[in-house]
Amino acid sequence: MAPRHRPDFTFDQATGVEHMADKELDRLLFDRIWALGAKAVQDNQISALAGATLRTPTLEEYQNSHGERMSDLIKVIKLGIAQLR
């Protein structure tokens, strides 16, 4: 039986295993951590970070940010990581 095609997965013919590319896994993890961090900002009413969570950045936007925005994004990510623990 041939595996169904999913664009975010690749199928290794040699092993018969379907897997995601590392970049896609990074994006999924970033999105999950960001969502948890943004929820923590909202739940704990952290007004200093509220502006940073108005929209979800892509992984690339996060990686390319600088200055105060980068600092705020890092704080949200740290909150998200703390929620995973």
C-alpha atoms as a PDB file:
ATOM      1  CA  MET A   1       0.000   0.000   0.000  1.00  0.00           C
ATOM      2  CA  ALA A   2       1.489   3.345  -1.059  1.00  0.00           C
ATOM      3  CA  PRO A   3       1.570   6.078   1.561  1.00  0.00           C
ATOM      4  CA  ARG A   4      -0.721   9.016   0.975  1.00  0.00           C
ATOM      5  CA  HIS A   5       1.129  12.149   0.016  1.00  0.00           C
ATOM      6  CA  ARG A   6       1.340  14.922   2.581  1.00  0.00           C
ATOM      7  CA  PRO A   7       3.339  17.950   1.439  1.00  0.00           C
ATOM      8  CA  ASP A   8       5.057  18.453   4.789  1.00  0.00           C
ATOM      9  CA  PHE A   9       6.253  14.829   4.959  1.00  0.00           C
ATOM     10  CA  THR A  10       8.758  12.883   2.901  1.00  0.00           C
ATOM     11  CA  PHE A  11       8.697   9.152   2.398  1.00  0.00           C
ATOM     12  CA  ASP A  12      11.935   7.212   2.647  1.00  0.00           C
ATOM     13  CA  GLN A  13      11.627   4.326   0.172  1.00  0.00           C
ATOM     14  CA  ALA A  14      14.521   2.435   1.771  1.00  0.00           C
ATOM     15  CA  THR A  15      13.027   2.337   5.262  1.00  0.00           C
ATOM     16  CA  GLY A  16       9.352   2.756   4.447  1.00  0.00           C
ATOM     17  CA  VAL A  17       9.150   5.544   7.016  1.00  0.00           C
ATOM     18  CA  GLU A  18       7.468   8.885   6.545  1.00  0.00           C
ATOM     19  CA  HIS A  19       9.094  11.854   8.285  1.00  0.00           C
ATOM     20  CA  MET A  20       9.063  15.624   8.425  1.00  0.00           C
ATOM     21  CA  ALA A  21      11.981  17.808   7.451  1.00  0.00           C
ATOM     22  CA  ASP A  22      13.839  19.374  10.379  1.00  0.00           C
ATOM     23  CA  LYS A  23      12.791  22.851   9.266  1.00  0.00           C
ATOM     24  CA  GLU A  24       9.125  21.858   9.425  1.00  0.00           C
ATOM     25  CA  LEU A  25       9.628  20.346  12.866  1.00  0.00           C
ATOM     26  CA  ASP A  26      11.305  23.581  13.997  1.00  0.00           C
ATOM     27  CA  ARG A  27       8.315  25.571  12.748  1.00  0.00           C
ATOM     28  CA  LEU A  28       5.819  23.310  14.494  1.00  0.00           C
ATOM     29  CA  LEU A  29       7.719  23.501  17.771  1.00  0.00           C
ATOM     30  CA  PHE A  30       8.091  27.291  17.480  1.00  0.00           C
ATOM     31  CA  ASP A  31       4.353  27.688  16.785  1.00  0.00           C
ATOM     32  CA  ARG A  32       3.449  25.532  19.790  1.00  0.00           C
ATOM     33  CA  ILE A  33       5.832  27.328  22.139  1.00  0.00           C
ATOM     34  CA  TRP A  34       4.686  30.740  20.862  1.00  0.00           C
ATOM     35  CA  ALA A  35       1.012  29.850  21.424  1.00  0.00           C
ATOM     36  CA  LEU A  36       1.746  28.758  24.995  1.00  0.00           C
ATOM     37  CA  GLY A  37       3.786  31.897  25.676  1.00  0.00           C
ATOM     38  CA  ALA A  38       1.121  34.189  24.209  1.00  0.00           C
ATOM     39  CA  LYS A  39      -1.522  32.452  26.328  1.00  0.00           C
ATOM     40  CA  ALA A  40       0.626  32.954  29.441  1.00  0.00           C
ATOM     41  CA  VAL A  41       0.955  36.666  28.593  1.00  0.00           C
ATOM     42  CA  GLN A  42      -2.825  36.924  28.285  1.00  0.00           C
ATOM     43  CA  ASP A  43      -3.664  34.761  31.319  1.00  0.00           C
ATOM     44  CA  ASN A  44      -1.195  36.586  33.572  1.00  0.00           C
ATOM     45  CA  GLN A  45      -2.069  39.998  32.120  1.00  0.00           C
ATOM     46  CA  ILE A  46       1.549  40.880  31.351  1.00  0.00           C
ATOM     47  CA  SER A  47       0.856  44.242  29.750  1.00  0.00           C
ATOM     48  CA  ALA A  48       4.521  44.874  28.866  1.00  0.00           C
ATOM     49  CA  LEU A  49       4.377  41.937  26.417  1.00  0.00           C
ATOM     50  CA  ALA A  50       0.791  42.327  25.193  1.00  0.00           C
ATOM     51  CA  GLY A  51       1.892  44.226  22.087  1.00  0.00           C
ATOM     52  CA  ALA A  52       4.343  41.499  21.125  1.00  0.00           C
ATOM     53  CA  THR A  53       1.554  38.916  21.095  1.00  0.00           C
ATOM     54  CA  LEU A  54      -0.931  40.816  18.926  1.00  0.00           C
ATOM     55  CA  ARG A  55       0.103  38.644  16.003  1.00  0.00           C
ATOM     56  CA  THR A  56       2.074  35.446  15.735  1.00  0.00           C
ATOM     57  CA  PRO A  57       5.451  35.875  14.058  1.00  0.00           C
ATOM     58  CA  THR A  58       6.762  33.234  11.705  1.00  0.00           C
ATOM     59  CA  LEU A  59       9.906  31.413  12.748  1.00  0.00           C
ATOM     60  CA  GLU A  60      11.803  33.437  10.152  1.00  0.00           C
ATOM     61  CA  GLU A  61      10.450  36.750  11.484  1.00  0.00           C
ATOM     62  CA  TYR A  62      11.493  35.701  14.973  1.00  0.00           C
ATOM     63  CA  GLN A  63      14.992  34.774  13.788  1.00  0.00           C
ATOM     64  CA  ASN A  64      15.392  38.047  11.860  1.00  0.00           C
ATOM     65  CA  SER A  65      14.066  40.422  14.526  1.00  0.00           C
ATOM     66  CA  HIS A  66      16.338  42.827  16.387  1.00  0.00           C
ATOM     67  CA  GLY A  67      16.424  45.168  19.352  1.00  0.00           C
ATOM     68  CA  GLU A  68      13.455  45.609  21.651  1.00  0.00           C
ATOM     69  CA  ARG A  69      11.168  43.484  19.459  1.00  0.00           C
ATOM     70  CA  MET A  70      13.607  40.569  19.649  1.00  0.00           C
ATOM     71  CA  SER A  71      13.839  41.023  23.407  1.00  0.00           C
ATOM     72  CA  ASP A  72      10.033  40.891  23.763  1.00  0.00           C
ATOM     73  CA  LEU A  73       9.744  37.874  21.463  1.00  0.00           C
ATOM     74  CA  ILE A  74      12.381  36.035  23.495  1.00  0.00           C
ATOM     75  CA  LYS A  75      10.441  36.742  26.701  1.00  0.00           C
ATOM     76  CA  VAL A  76       7.277  35.286  25.157  1.00  0.00           C
ATOM     77  CA  ILE A  77       9.215  32.212  24.001  1.00  0.00           C
ATOM     78  CA  LYS A  78      10.677  31.757  27.499  1.00  0.00           C
ATOM     79  CA  LEU A  79       7.163  31.857  28.951  1.00  0.00           C
ATOM     80  CA  GLY A  80       6.070  29.249  26.408  1.00  0.00           C
ATOM     81  CA  ILE A  81       8.971  26.962  27.264  1.00  0.00           C
ATOM     82  CA  ALA A  82       8.142  27.297  30.958  1.00  0.00           C
ATOM     83  CA  GLN A  83       4.578  26.173  30.161  1.00  0.00           C
ATOM     84  CA  LEU A  84       5.913  23.021  28.485  1.00  0.00           C
ATOM     85  CA  ARG A  85       7.759  21.956  31.629  1.00  0.00           C
END
